[in-house]
N, C-alpha and C. Protein backbone atom coordinates (compact mmCIF):
# COMPACT_ATOMS: atom_id res chain seq x y z
N MET A 1 37.68 126.19 120.61
CA MET A 1 38.93 126.78 120.08
C MET A 1 39.73 125.68 119.41
N PRO A 2 40.12 125.86 118.16
CA PRO A 2 40.83 124.80 117.46
C PRO A 2 42.21 124.60 118.05
N THR A 3 42.62 123.34 118.09
CA THR A 3 43.94 123.00 118.63
C THR A 3 45.02 123.29 117.59
N THR A 4 46.17 123.72 118.08
CA THR A 4 47.29 124.00 117.19
C THR A 4 48.00 122.70 116.84
N PRO A 5 48.17 122.41 115.57
CA PRO A 5 48.83 121.16 115.20
C PRO A 5 50.29 121.17 115.64
N ASN A 6 50.79 119.97 115.96
CA ASN A 6 52.18 119.82 116.36
C ASN A 6 53.07 119.96 115.13
N MET A 7 53.92 121.00 115.12
CA MET A 7 54.72 121.30 113.94
C MET A 7 56.20 120.98 114.16
N SER A 8 56.52 120.15 115.16
CA SER A 8 57.91 119.77 115.34
C SER A 8 58.33 118.84 114.20
N PRO A 9 59.63 118.89 113.80
CA PRO A 9 60.07 118.06 112.67
C PRO A 9 59.80 116.58 112.86
N TRP A 10 60.03 116.06 114.08
CA TRP A 10 59.84 114.63 114.30
C TRP A 10 58.37 114.23 114.15
N SER A 11 57.47 115.07 114.66
CA SER A 11 56.05 114.75 114.53
C SER A 11 55.59 114.85 113.08
N LEU A 12 56.14 115.81 112.33
CA LEU A 12 55.79 115.93 110.92
C LEU A 12 56.28 114.72 110.13
N ILE A 13 57.47 114.23 110.45
CA ILE A 13 57.97 113.04 109.76
C ILE A 13 57.13 111.83 110.11
N ALA A 14 56.76 111.70 111.38
CA ALA A 14 55.96 110.55 111.81
C ALA A 14 54.58 110.56 111.18
N GLU A 15 54.02 111.75 110.94
CA GLU A 15 52.67 111.85 110.40
C GLU A 15 52.65 111.97 108.88
N ALA A 16 53.81 111.94 108.25
CA ALA A 16 53.86 112.04 106.79
C ALA A 16 53.30 110.77 106.16
N SER A 17 52.95 110.89 104.89
CA SER A 17 52.43 109.73 104.18
C SER A 17 53.54 108.68 104.00
N LEU A 18 53.13 107.46 103.71
CA LEU A 18 54.08 106.36 103.61
C LEU A 18 55.12 106.62 102.52
N LEU A 19 54.68 107.13 101.38
CA LEU A 19 55.61 107.39 100.28
C LEU A 19 56.64 108.45 100.66
N VAL A 20 56.18 109.50 101.31
CA VAL A 20 57.11 110.56 101.73
C VAL A 20 58.08 110.02 102.77
N GLN A 21 57.60 109.17 103.67
CA GLN A 21 58.50 108.56 104.65
C GLN A 21 59.55 107.67 103.98
N LEU A 22 59.14 106.94 102.95
CA LEU A 22 60.09 106.11 102.22
C LEU A 22 61.14 106.96 101.51
N VAL A 23 60.70 108.08 100.97
CA VAL A 23 61.64 109.01 100.33
C VAL A 23 62.65 109.53 101.36
N MET A 24 62.15 109.93 102.52
CA MET A 24 63.04 110.42 103.57
C MET A 24 64.02 109.34 104.03
N LEU A 25 63.53 108.12 104.20
CA LEU A 25 64.39 107.02 104.63
C LEU A 25 65.48 106.74 103.60
N THR A 26 65.10 106.76 102.33
CA THR A 26 66.08 106.55 101.27
C THR A 26 67.17 107.61 101.30
N LEU A 27 66.77 108.86 101.49
CA LEU A 27 67.74 109.95 101.52
C LEU A 27 68.64 109.86 102.76
N VAL A 28 68.07 109.48 103.90
CA VAL A 28 68.88 109.34 105.11
C VAL A 28 69.91 108.23 104.95
N LEU A 29 69.49 107.11 104.37
CA LEU A 29 70.43 106.01 104.14
C LEU A 29 71.54 106.43 103.17
N ALA A 30 71.15 107.13 102.11
CA ALA A 30 72.15 107.62 101.15
C ALA A 30 73.13 108.57 101.83
N SER A 31 72.62 109.42 102.71
CA SER A 31 73.48 110.36 103.43
C SER A 31 74.44 109.62 104.36
N LEU A 32 73.95 108.61 105.09
CA LEU A 32 74.81 107.86 105.99
C LEU A 32 75.92 107.13 105.24
N ILE A 33 75.56 106.50 104.12
CA ILE A 33 76.57 105.82 103.31
C ILE A 33 77.58 106.82 102.76
N SER A 34 77.09 107.98 102.34
CA SER A 34 77.98 109.01 101.81
C SER A 34 79.00 109.45 102.86
N TRP A 35 78.52 109.69 104.08
CA TRP A 35 79.43 110.13 105.13
C TRP A 35 80.45 109.04 105.49
N PHE A 36 80.03 107.77 105.44
CA PHE A 36 80.97 106.68 105.66
C PHE A 36 82.06 106.67 104.59
N LEU A 37 81.64 106.85 103.33
CA LEU A 37 82.61 106.87 102.24
C LEU A 37 83.49 108.11 102.30
N ILE A 38 82.93 109.24 102.74
CA ILE A 38 83.73 110.46 102.85
C ILE A 38 84.86 110.26 103.86
N ILE A 39 84.53 109.68 105.00
CA ILE A 39 85.55 109.42 106.02
C ILE A 39 86.58 108.41 105.52
N GLN A 40 86.09 107.35 104.88
CA GLN A 40 86.98 106.31 104.39
C GLN A 40 87.89 106.81 103.28
N ARG A 41 87.34 107.57 102.33
CA ARG A 41 88.13 108.12 101.23
C ARG A 41 89.12 109.17 101.73
N SER A 42 88.72 109.96 102.71
CA SER A 42 89.63 110.96 103.27
C SER A 42 90.86 110.29 103.88
N SER A 43 90.63 109.22 104.62
CA SER A 43 91.74 108.49 105.22
C SER A 43 92.64 107.87 104.16
N LEU A 44 92.04 107.30 103.12
CA LEU A 44 92.82 106.66 102.06
C LEU A 44 93.65 107.68 101.30
N MET A 45 93.04 108.83 100.95
CA MET A 45 93.77 109.85 100.19
C MET A 45 94.92 110.41 101.02
N ALA A 46 94.67 110.64 102.30
CA ALA A 46 95.73 111.17 103.16
C ALA A 46 96.87 110.17 103.28
N ALA A 47 96.54 108.88 103.43
CA ALA A 47 97.57 107.85 103.53
C ALA A 47 98.37 107.75 102.23
N ALA A 48 97.70 107.86 101.09
CA ALA A 48 98.39 107.78 99.80
C ALA A 48 99.33 108.97 99.62
N ARG A 49 98.92 110.13 100.05
CA ARG A 49 99.77 111.31 99.93
C ARG A 49 101.00 111.20 100.85
N ARG A 50 100.79 110.74 102.08
CA ARG A 50 101.92 110.58 102.99
C ARG A 50 102.90 109.53 102.46
N SER A 51 102.36 108.44 101.94
CA SER A 51 103.22 107.39 101.37
C SER A 51 104.01 107.91 100.18
N LEU A 52 103.38 108.72 99.36
CA LEU A 52 104.06 109.30 98.19
C LEU A 52 105.22 110.18 98.62
N MET A 53 104.99 111.04 99.59
CA MET A 53 106.04 111.96 100.03
C MET A 53 107.20 111.21 100.67
N ARG A 54 106.89 110.20 101.50
CA ARG A 54 107.95 109.44 102.15
C ARG A 54 108.78 108.66 101.12
N PHE A 55 108.10 108.04 100.15
CA PHE A 55 108.82 107.23 99.18
C PHE A 55 109.66 108.10 98.26
N GLU A 56 109.13 109.23 97.82
CA GLU A 56 109.91 110.11 96.95
C GLU A 56 111.16 110.62 97.66
N GLN A 57 111.02 110.92 98.94
CA GLN A 57 112.18 111.38 99.69
C GLN A 57 113.25 110.30 99.77
N ARG A 58 112.82 109.07 99.99
CA ARG A 58 113.77 107.96 100.07
C ARG A 58 114.34 107.63 98.69
N PHE A 59 113.51 107.69 97.66
CA PHE A 59 113.94 107.35 96.31
C PHE A 59 114.99 108.33 95.80
N ARG A 60 114.84 109.60 96.13
CA ARG A 60 115.73 110.64 95.62
C ARG A 60 116.93 110.90 96.52
N ALA A 61 117.05 110.14 97.60
CA ALA A 61 118.22 110.29 98.45
C ALA A 61 119.48 109.87 97.70
N LYS A 62 120.60 110.52 98.00
CA LYS A 62 121.83 110.28 97.25
C LYS A 62 122.37 108.87 97.46
N ASP A 63 122.19 108.32 98.64
CA ASP A 63 122.76 107.01 98.95
C ASP A 63 121.78 105.86 98.74
N THR A 64 120.68 106.11 98.01
CA THR A 64 119.67 105.07 97.81
C THR A 64 120.13 104.07 96.76
N ASP A 65 120.06 102.79 97.09
CA ASP A 65 120.32 101.71 96.15
C ASP A 65 118.98 101.16 95.69
N LEU A 66 118.71 101.23 94.38
CA LEU A 66 117.41 100.82 93.87
C LEU A 66 117.14 99.34 94.13
N GLY A 67 118.17 98.52 94.06
CA GLY A 67 117.98 97.11 94.33
C GLY A 67 117.55 96.85 95.76
N GLN A 68 118.18 97.53 96.70
CA GLN A 68 117.78 97.38 98.10
C GLN A 68 116.39 97.95 98.35
N LEU A 69 116.09 99.05 97.69
CA LEU A 69 114.76 99.63 97.83
C LEU A 69 113.71 98.69 97.28
N TYR A 70 114.04 98.00 96.19
CA TYR A 70 113.11 97.03 95.61
C TYR A 70 112.89 95.85 96.56
N GLN A 71 113.96 95.38 97.18
CA GLN A 71 113.84 94.25 98.11
C GLN A 71 113.02 94.63 99.34
N ALA A 72 113.00 95.91 99.69
CA ALA A 72 112.26 96.35 100.87
C ALA A 72 110.76 96.49 100.61
N GLN A 73 110.36 96.47 99.34
CA GLN A 73 108.95 96.65 99.01
C GLN A 73 108.29 95.30 98.76
N GLN A 74 107.02 95.22 99.08
CA GLN A 74 106.23 94.02 98.82
C GLN A 74 105.55 94.13 97.46
N ALA A 75 105.26 92.98 96.87
CA ALA A 75 104.69 92.97 95.53
C ALA A 75 103.31 93.61 95.47
N ASP A 76 102.56 93.49 96.57
CA ASP A 76 101.18 93.98 96.57
C ASP A 76 101.04 95.29 97.34
N CYS A 77 102.13 96.02 97.55
CA CYS A 77 102.04 97.27 98.30
C CYS A 77 101.33 98.33 97.45
N PRO A 78 100.47 99.12 98.08
CA PRO A 78 99.71 100.11 97.31
C PRO A 78 100.52 101.38 97.05
N GLY A 79 99.99 102.23 96.20
CA GLY A 79 100.57 103.53 95.98
C GLY A 79 101.82 103.51 95.13
N ILE A 80 102.66 104.52 95.35
CA ILE A 80 103.85 104.70 94.52
C ILE A 80 104.85 103.57 94.72
N ALA A 81 104.87 102.98 95.92
CA ALA A 81 105.79 101.86 96.16
C ALA A 81 105.44 100.67 95.27
N GLY A 82 104.16 100.42 95.07
CA GLY A 82 103.75 99.35 94.18
C GLY A 82 104.11 99.62 92.74
N ILE A 83 104.02 100.89 92.33
CA ILE A 83 104.41 101.26 90.96
C ILE A 83 105.90 101.04 90.76
N PHE A 84 106.69 101.46 91.75
CA PHE A 84 108.14 101.23 91.68
C PHE A 84 108.46 99.74 91.64
N HIS A 85 107.79 98.97 92.48
CA HIS A 85 108.04 97.53 92.53
C HIS A 85 107.72 96.88 91.19
N ALA A 86 106.60 97.27 90.58
CA ALA A 86 106.22 96.69 89.29
C ALA A 86 107.25 97.02 88.21
N GLY A 87 107.71 98.28 88.19
CA GLY A 87 108.67 98.68 87.18
C GLY A 87 110.02 98.01 87.36
N TYR A 88 110.52 97.97 88.59
CA TYR A 88 111.84 97.38 88.82
C TYR A 88 111.80 95.86 88.63
N HIS A 89 110.70 95.24 89.01
CA HIS A 89 110.57 93.79 88.81
C HIS A 89 110.63 93.45 87.33
N GLU A 90 109.93 94.21 86.51
CA GLU A 90 109.96 93.97 85.07
C GLU A 90 111.35 94.25 84.50
N PHE A 91 111.99 95.28 85.02
CA PHE A 91 113.34 95.63 84.57
C PHE A 91 114.32 94.49 84.86
N ALA A 92 114.29 93.98 86.08
CA ALA A 92 115.21 92.91 86.46
C ALA A 92 114.91 91.62 85.69
N HIS A 93 113.63 91.35 85.46
CA HIS A 93 113.24 90.11 84.78
C HIS A 93 113.64 90.13 83.31
N THR A 94 113.34 91.20 82.61
CA THR A 94 113.65 91.26 81.17
C THR A 94 115.13 91.45 80.93
N GLN A 95 115.82 92.09 81.87
CA GLN A 95 117.25 92.30 81.69
C GLN A 95 118.02 90.98 81.74
N ARG A 96 117.55 90.04 82.57
CA ARG A 96 118.21 88.74 82.66
C ARG A 96 118.08 87.94 81.36
N GLN A 97 117.08 88.27 80.57
CA GLN A 97 116.88 87.57 79.31
C GLN A 97 117.70 88.17 78.17
N GLU A 98 118.55 89.16 78.51
CA GLU A 98 119.43 89.81 77.54
C GLU A 98 118.63 90.40 76.39
N SER A 99 117.54 91.05 76.70
CA SER A 99 116.73 91.70 75.68
C SER A 99 117.36 93.01 75.27
N GLU A 100 116.90 93.56 74.16
CA GLU A 100 117.36 94.87 73.72
C GLU A 100 116.89 95.93 74.71
N PRO A 101 117.66 97.02 74.89
CA PRO A 101 117.26 98.08 75.83
C PRO A 101 115.88 98.64 75.55
N GLU A 102 115.53 98.78 74.28
CA GLU A 102 114.21 99.31 73.95
C GLU A 102 113.11 98.37 74.41
N ALA A 103 113.35 97.06 74.25
CA ALA A 103 112.35 96.09 74.70
C ALA A 103 112.24 96.07 76.21
N VAL A 104 113.37 96.21 76.89
CA VAL A 104 113.34 96.25 78.35
C VAL A 104 112.54 97.45 78.83
N MET A 105 112.81 98.64 78.26
CA MET A 105 112.12 99.84 78.70
C MET A 105 110.63 99.81 78.34
N GLU A 106 110.31 99.19 77.23
CA GLU A 106 108.90 99.07 76.87
C GLU A 106 108.15 98.21 77.89
N GLY A 107 108.78 97.13 78.33
CA GLY A 107 108.17 96.29 79.34
C GLY A 107 108.05 97.00 80.68
N VAL A 108 109.06 97.76 81.05
CA VAL A 108 109.04 98.51 82.31
C VAL A 108 107.91 99.53 82.31
N GLN A 109 107.81 100.29 81.23
CA GLN A 109 106.78 101.32 81.14
C GLN A 109 105.38 100.72 81.12
N MET A 110 105.22 99.58 80.44
CA MET A 110 103.93 98.92 80.43
C MET A 110 103.55 98.43 81.83
N ALA A 111 104.50 97.86 82.55
CA ALA A 111 104.23 97.37 83.90
C ALA A 111 103.83 98.52 84.82
N MET A 112 104.50 99.65 84.72
CA MET A 112 104.16 100.79 85.57
C MET A 112 102.82 101.40 85.17
N ARG A 113 102.50 101.41 83.89
CA ARG A 113 101.18 101.92 83.47
C ARG A 113 100.06 101.06 84.03
N VAL A 114 100.26 99.74 84.02
CA VAL A 114 99.25 98.84 84.61
C VAL A 114 99.11 99.11 86.10
N ALA A 115 100.25 99.28 86.79
CA ALA A 115 100.20 99.55 88.23
C ALA A 115 99.52 100.89 88.52
N ILE A 116 99.78 101.89 87.70
CA ILE A 116 99.12 103.20 87.88
C ILE A 116 97.63 103.08 87.64
N ALA A 117 97.23 102.32 86.63
CA ALA A 117 95.80 102.13 86.36
C ALA A 117 95.11 101.45 87.53
N GLN A 118 95.76 100.47 88.12
CA GLN A 118 95.19 99.80 89.30
C GLN A 118 95.09 100.76 90.48
N GLU A 119 96.09 101.60 90.65
CA GLU A 119 96.06 102.58 91.73
C GLU A 119 94.98 103.63 91.49
N GLN A 120 94.81 104.02 90.23
CA GLN A 120 93.75 104.97 89.91
C GLN A 120 92.37 104.39 90.22
N GLU A 121 92.18 103.13 89.90
CA GLU A 121 90.91 102.47 90.23
C GLU A 121 90.70 102.41 91.74
N ARG A 122 91.76 102.18 92.50
CA ARG A 122 91.65 102.12 93.95
C ARG A 122 91.31 103.49 94.53
N LEU A 123 91.94 104.53 94.02
CA LEU A 123 91.70 105.88 94.54
C LEU A 123 90.31 106.39 94.19
N GLN A 124 89.82 106.05 93.02
CA GLN A 124 88.55 106.58 92.55
C GLN A 124 87.37 105.65 92.83
N LYS A 125 87.62 104.59 93.57
CA LYS A 125 86.53 103.67 93.92
C LYS A 125 85.50 104.38 94.78
N HIS A 126 84.23 104.13 94.51
CA HIS A 126 83.09 104.69 95.23
C HIS A 126 82.82 106.17 94.92
N LEU A 127 83.69 106.83 94.16
CA LEU A 127 83.40 108.22 93.81
C LEU A 127 82.14 108.35 92.94
N PRO A 128 81.87 107.40 92.04
CA PRO A 128 80.61 107.51 91.29
C PRO A 128 79.37 107.48 92.19
N PHE A 129 79.45 106.76 93.31
CA PHE A 129 78.30 106.76 94.23
C PHE A 129 78.09 108.14 94.81
N LEU A 130 79.17 108.80 95.22
CA LEU A 130 79.04 110.16 95.76
C LEU A 130 78.48 111.10 94.70
N ALA A 131 78.94 110.94 93.46
CA ALA A 131 78.42 111.79 92.39
C ALA A 131 76.93 111.54 92.16
N THR A 132 76.52 110.28 92.24
CA THR A 132 75.11 109.95 92.06
C THR A 132 74.25 110.53 93.17
N VAL A 133 74.72 110.39 94.41
CA VAL A 133 73.97 110.96 95.54
C VAL A 133 73.87 112.47 95.40
N GLY A 134 74.96 113.10 95.01
CA GLY A 134 74.95 114.55 94.88
C GLY A 134 74.03 115.06 93.80
N SER A 135 73.88 114.30 92.72
CA SER A 135 73.06 114.77 91.61
C SER A 135 71.60 114.34 91.71
N VAL A 136 71.34 113.20 92.36
CA VAL A 136 69.98 112.64 92.36
C VAL A 136 69.20 113.01 93.61
N SER A 137 69.88 113.16 94.74
CA SER A 137 69.17 113.39 96.01
C SER A 137 68.22 114.58 95.99
N PRO A 138 68.61 115.75 95.43
CA PRO A 138 67.64 116.86 95.40
C PRO A 138 66.36 116.52 94.65
N TYR A 139 66.48 115.75 93.59
CA TYR A 139 65.29 115.40 92.81
C TYR A 139 64.42 114.39 93.56
N ILE A 140 65.06 113.47 94.28
CA ILE A 140 64.28 112.54 95.10
C ILE A 140 63.54 113.30 96.19
N GLY A 141 64.24 114.24 96.84
CA GLY A 141 63.57 115.05 97.84
C GLY A 141 62.46 115.90 97.26
N LEU A 142 62.69 116.42 96.07
CA LEU A 142 61.64 117.23 95.41
C LEU A 142 60.42 116.38 95.07
N PHE A 143 60.67 115.13 94.68
CA PHE A 143 59.54 114.24 94.42
C PHE A 143 58.70 114.04 95.67
N GLY A 144 59.37 113.81 96.82
CA GLY A 144 58.62 113.67 98.06
C GLY A 144 57.87 114.94 98.42
N THR A 145 58.47 116.09 98.13
CA THR A 145 57.80 117.37 98.41
C THR A 145 56.57 117.55 97.55
N VAL A 146 56.71 117.29 96.28
CA VAL A 146 55.57 117.43 95.36
C VAL A 146 54.44 116.49 95.77
N TRP A 147 54.80 115.27 96.11
CA TRP A 147 53.77 114.30 96.51
C TRP A 147 53.06 114.74 97.79
N GLY A 148 53.84 115.23 98.77
CA GLY A 148 53.23 115.67 100.02
C GLY A 148 52.34 116.88 99.84
N ILE A 149 52.77 117.85 99.03
CA ILE A 149 51.94 119.03 98.78
C ILE A 149 50.68 118.66 98.02
N MET A 150 50.81 117.74 97.08
CA MET A 150 49.64 117.30 96.32
C MET A 150 48.60 116.67 97.26
N ASN A 151 49.06 115.82 98.18
CA ASN A 151 48.13 115.22 99.13
C ASN A 151 47.51 116.27 100.04
N SER A 152 48.28 117.28 100.40
CA SER A 152 47.75 118.34 101.26
C SER A 152 46.61 119.08 100.57
N PHE A 153 46.78 119.42 99.31
CA PHE A 153 45.74 120.14 98.59
C PHE A 153 44.53 119.25 98.28
N ILE A 154 44.80 117.95 98.09
CA ILE A 154 43.67 117.04 97.90
C ILE A 154 42.83 116.98 99.17
N GLY A 155 43.52 116.88 100.32
CA GLY A 155 42.80 116.89 101.58
C GLY A 155 42.10 118.21 101.85
N LEU A 156 42.72 119.31 101.43
CA LEU A 156 42.12 120.63 101.62
C LEU A 156 40.85 120.80 100.80
N SER A 157 40.84 120.17 99.63
CA SER A 157 39.66 120.28 98.78
C SER A 157 38.46 119.53 99.35
N GLN A 158 38.70 118.64 100.28
CA GLN A 158 37.61 117.85 100.86
C GLN A 158 37.07 118.45 102.15
N THR A 159 37.62 119.57 102.57
CA THR A 159 37.14 120.24 103.78
C THR A 159 36.25 121.41 103.40
N GLU A 160 35.35 121.76 104.31
CA GLU A 160 34.43 122.86 104.05
C GLU A 160 35.10 124.22 104.23
N GLN A 161 36.05 124.29 105.15
CA GLN A 161 36.70 125.56 105.43
C GLN A 161 38.19 125.43 105.14
N ALA A 162 38.67 126.14 104.12
CA ALA A 162 40.07 126.08 103.71
C ALA A 162 40.86 127.14 104.47
N THR A 163 41.73 126.71 105.34
CA THR A 163 42.55 127.63 106.12
C THR A 163 44.02 127.23 105.99
N LEU A 164 44.90 128.17 106.29
CA LEU A 164 46.34 127.89 106.24
C LEU A 164 46.73 126.87 107.28
N ALA A 165 46.08 126.91 108.44
CA ALA A 165 46.39 125.95 109.49
C ALA A 165 46.10 124.52 109.06
N ALA A 166 45.10 124.37 108.18
CA ALA A 166 44.75 123.02 107.74
C ALA A 166 45.77 122.44 106.77
N VAL A 167 46.38 123.29 105.95
CA VAL A 167 47.29 122.80 104.92
C VAL A 167 48.76 122.91 105.34
N ALA A 168 49.04 123.73 106.36
CA ALA A 168 50.43 123.97 106.75
C ALA A 168 51.19 122.71 107.15
N PRO A 169 50.61 121.81 107.99
CA PRO A 169 51.37 120.61 108.37
C PRO A 169 51.78 119.75 107.18
N GLY A 170 50.87 119.59 106.23
CA GLY A 170 51.20 118.77 105.06
C GLY A 170 52.30 119.38 104.22
N ILE A 171 52.25 120.70 104.04
CA ILE A 171 53.29 121.38 103.27
C ILE A 171 54.63 121.32 104.01
N ALA A 172 54.59 121.50 105.33
CA ALA A 172 55.82 121.46 106.12
C ALA A 172 56.48 120.10 106.06
N GLU A 173 55.69 119.04 106.19
CA GLU A 173 56.28 117.70 106.14
C GLU A 173 56.82 117.39 104.76
N ALA A 174 56.18 117.96 103.73
CA ALA A 174 56.68 117.75 102.37
C ALA A 174 58.01 118.47 102.16
N LEU A 175 58.13 119.67 102.70
CA LEU A 175 59.37 120.42 102.53
C LEU A 175 60.53 119.79 103.28
N ILE A 176 60.23 119.02 104.31
CA ILE A 176 61.31 118.33 105.02
C ILE A 176 62.02 117.37 104.08
N ALA A 177 61.29 116.76 103.17
CA ALA A 177 61.91 115.85 102.21
C ALA A 177 62.93 116.58 101.35
N THR A 178 62.61 117.80 100.92
CA THR A 178 63.57 118.58 100.15
C THR A 178 64.79 118.93 100.99
N ALA A 179 64.56 119.29 102.26
CA ALA A 179 65.68 119.62 103.14
C ALA A 179 66.61 118.42 103.32
N ILE A 180 66.03 117.23 103.52
CA ILE A 180 66.86 116.04 103.69
C ILE A 180 67.62 115.73 102.39
N GLY A 181 66.97 115.95 101.25
CA GLY A 181 67.64 115.74 99.97
C GLY A 181 68.84 116.65 99.80
N LEU A 182 68.69 117.92 100.18
CA LEU A 182 69.82 118.84 100.11
C LEU A 182 70.91 118.47 101.11
N PHE A 183 70.49 118.02 102.29
CA PHE A 183 71.46 117.61 103.31
C PHE A 183 72.30 116.43 102.82
N ALA A 184 71.68 115.53 102.04
CA ALA A 184 72.43 114.40 101.50
C ALA A 184 73.28 114.80 100.30
N ALA A 185 72.79 115.75 99.50
CA ALA A 185 73.46 116.08 98.24
C ALA A 185 74.68 116.97 98.43
N ILE A 186 74.57 118.00 99.28
CA ILE A 186 75.63 119.00 99.36
C ILE A 186 76.96 118.40 99.82
N PRO A 187 77.00 117.63 100.92
CA PRO A 187 78.30 117.03 101.29
C PRO A 187 78.83 116.07 100.23
N ALA A 188 77.93 115.33 99.58
CA ALA A 188 78.38 114.38 98.56
C ALA A 188 79.02 115.09 97.38
N VAL A 189 78.44 116.21 96.95
CA VAL A 189 79.01 116.96 95.82
C VAL A 189 80.36 117.54 96.20
N ILE A 190 80.44 118.15 97.38
CA ILE A 190 81.71 118.72 97.83
C ILE A 190 82.79 117.64 97.93
N ALA A 191 82.42 116.51 98.53
CA ALA A 191 83.39 115.43 98.70
C ALA A 191 83.83 114.86 97.35
N TYR A 192 82.89 114.68 96.44
CA TYR A 192 83.24 114.14 95.12
C TYR A 192 84.24 115.05 94.41
N ASN A 193 83.96 116.34 94.39
CA ASN A 193 84.86 117.28 93.71
C ASN A 193 86.24 117.29 94.36
N ARG A 194 86.26 117.23 95.68
CA ARG A 194 87.55 117.26 96.39
C ARG A 194 88.33 115.98 96.14
N PHE A 195 87.67 114.83 96.24
CA PHE A 195 88.38 113.56 96.05
C PHE A 195 88.80 113.36 94.60
N ALA A 196 87.97 113.82 93.67
CA ALA A 196 88.34 113.70 92.26
C ALA A 196 89.59 114.52 91.96
N ALA A 197 89.66 115.73 92.53
CA ALA A 197 90.84 116.57 92.33
C ALA A 197 92.08 115.96 92.99
N ARG A 198 91.89 115.42 94.20
CA ARG A 198 93.02 114.81 94.90
C ARG A 198 93.54 113.58 94.16
N SER A 199 92.63 112.73 93.71
CA SER A 199 93.06 111.51 93.01
C SER A 199 93.74 111.86 91.69
N GLU A 200 93.23 112.88 91.01
CA GLU A 200 93.86 113.30 89.76
C GLU A 200 95.28 113.83 90.02
N GLY A 201 95.43 114.60 91.10
CA GLY A 201 96.75 115.10 91.44
C GLY A 201 97.72 113.98 91.78
N LEU A 202 97.26 112.98 92.53
CA LEU A 202 98.12 111.84 92.87
C LEU A 202 98.50 111.05 91.63
N ILE A 203 97.54 110.81 90.75
CA ILE A 203 97.82 110.05 89.53
C ILE A 203 98.83 110.79 88.66
N ASN A 204 98.70 112.10 88.56
CA ASN A 204 99.67 112.89 87.78
C ASN A 204 101.08 112.76 88.37
N ARG A 205 101.17 112.76 89.69
CA ARG A 205 102.48 112.60 90.32
C ARG A 205 103.02 111.18 90.13
N TYR A 206 102.12 110.20 90.07
CA TYR A 206 102.56 108.83 89.78
C TYR A 206 103.15 108.74 88.37
N TYR A 207 102.49 109.38 87.41
CA TYR A 207 103.01 109.37 86.04
C TYR A 207 104.34 110.11 85.96
N SER A 208 104.47 111.20 86.72
CA SER A 208 105.74 111.92 86.73
C SER A 208 106.85 111.05 87.31
N PHE A 209 106.54 110.33 88.38
CA PHE A 209 107.52 109.42 88.96
C PHE A 209 107.90 108.32 87.98
N ALA A 210 106.90 107.78 87.28
CA ALA A 210 107.18 106.72 86.31
C ALA A 210 108.12 107.21 85.22
N GLU A 211 107.93 108.45 84.76
CA GLU A 211 108.83 109.01 83.76
C GLU A 211 110.23 109.18 84.32
N GLU A 212 110.31 109.68 85.55
CA GLU A 212 111.63 109.86 86.18
C GLU A 212 112.33 108.52 86.38
N PHE A 213 111.59 107.53 86.84
CA PHE A 213 112.18 106.21 87.06
C PHE A 213 112.60 105.57 85.74
N SER A 214 111.79 105.75 84.71
CA SER A 214 112.15 105.21 83.40
C SER A 214 113.43 105.83 82.87
N THR A 215 113.60 107.12 83.11
CA THR A 215 114.82 107.80 82.67
C THR A 215 116.05 107.23 83.37
N ILE A 216 115.92 106.97 84.68
CA ILE A 216 117.04 106.40 85.44
C ILE A 216 117.40 105.01 84.92
N LEU A 217 116.38 104.18 84.69
CA LEU A 217 116.64 102.83 84.20
C LEU A 217 117.19 102.84 82.78
N HIS A 218 116.68 103.74 81.97
CA HIS A 218 117.16 103.86 80.59
C HIS A 218 118.63 104.26 80.57
N ARG A 219 119.00 105.19 81.45
CA ARG A 219 120.40 105.61 81.54
C ARG A 219 121.28 104.45 82.02
N ARG A 220 120.76 103.66 82.96
CA ARG A 220 121.54 102.53 83.46
C ARG A 220 121.76 101.50 82.36
N LEU A 221 120.74 101.22 81.57
CA LEU A 221 120.89 100.26 80.48
C LEU A 221 121.92 100.70 79.46
N HIS A 222 121.91 101.96 79.09
CA HIS A 222 122.84 102.45 78.07
C HIS A 222 124.26 102.54 78.63
N ASN A 223 124.38 102.83 79.92
CA ASN A 223 125.71 102.83 80.52
C ASN A 223 126.32 101.43 80.50
N ARG A 224 125.51 100.41 80.79
CA ARG A 224 126.00 99.04 80.76
C ARG A 224 126.31 98.59 79.34
N ALA A 225 125.47 99.05 78.38
CA ALA A 225 125.70 98.66 76.99
C ALA A 225 126.98 99.30 76.45
N GLY A 226 127.34 100.46 76.99
CA GLY A 226 128.55 101.13 76.50
C GLY A 226 129.82 100.59 77.12
N ASN A 227 129.67 99.86 78.27
CA ASN A 227 130.88 99.33 78.92
C ASN A 227 131.38 98.04 78.27
């Protein structure tokens, strides 16, 4: 009586060909890195959003003194506080040189644009890796599947009696590669879309803040020029 082959996933992975095992290992590593980045990016995005809400509330308070708020911020602070610091620092520096209001505001806006660009790079860091994992992993898994099925049929052609039991283990181990590829790709795609939308929303709010802050500084310059 023929013995029933062991069809558990672990035994199929252990008995897979070397190339298929390498494909599976690559996909597992990509999935682990993706999940690490998902957790890390989630924490960063949440922290950036909380910082934005706290700073906007303090900035728009009626008794807020911009000079004191500037002194309370560090030069290398991330997020909206860093954008404010860059703009106010440029404002105070160029104003001491008795420049024209237009030149002062041009320098302020340039400084804030640079700070926003740096923040955008920080928020969107590692997102291309998630996009790559999401788009490439299914094809890598499919390659392992095709290779495993091809080997199964080659082995089947060398036997005298072709039965489903003879080819089933090879096909099953090959399909595991596709399953692992999808397991790596689906979370990466979802995370990439979510983080891309979140970062875009934060950047848009940073630009809105920069416009609001520029308006306040522009009004202050013209009030002083009129006195």
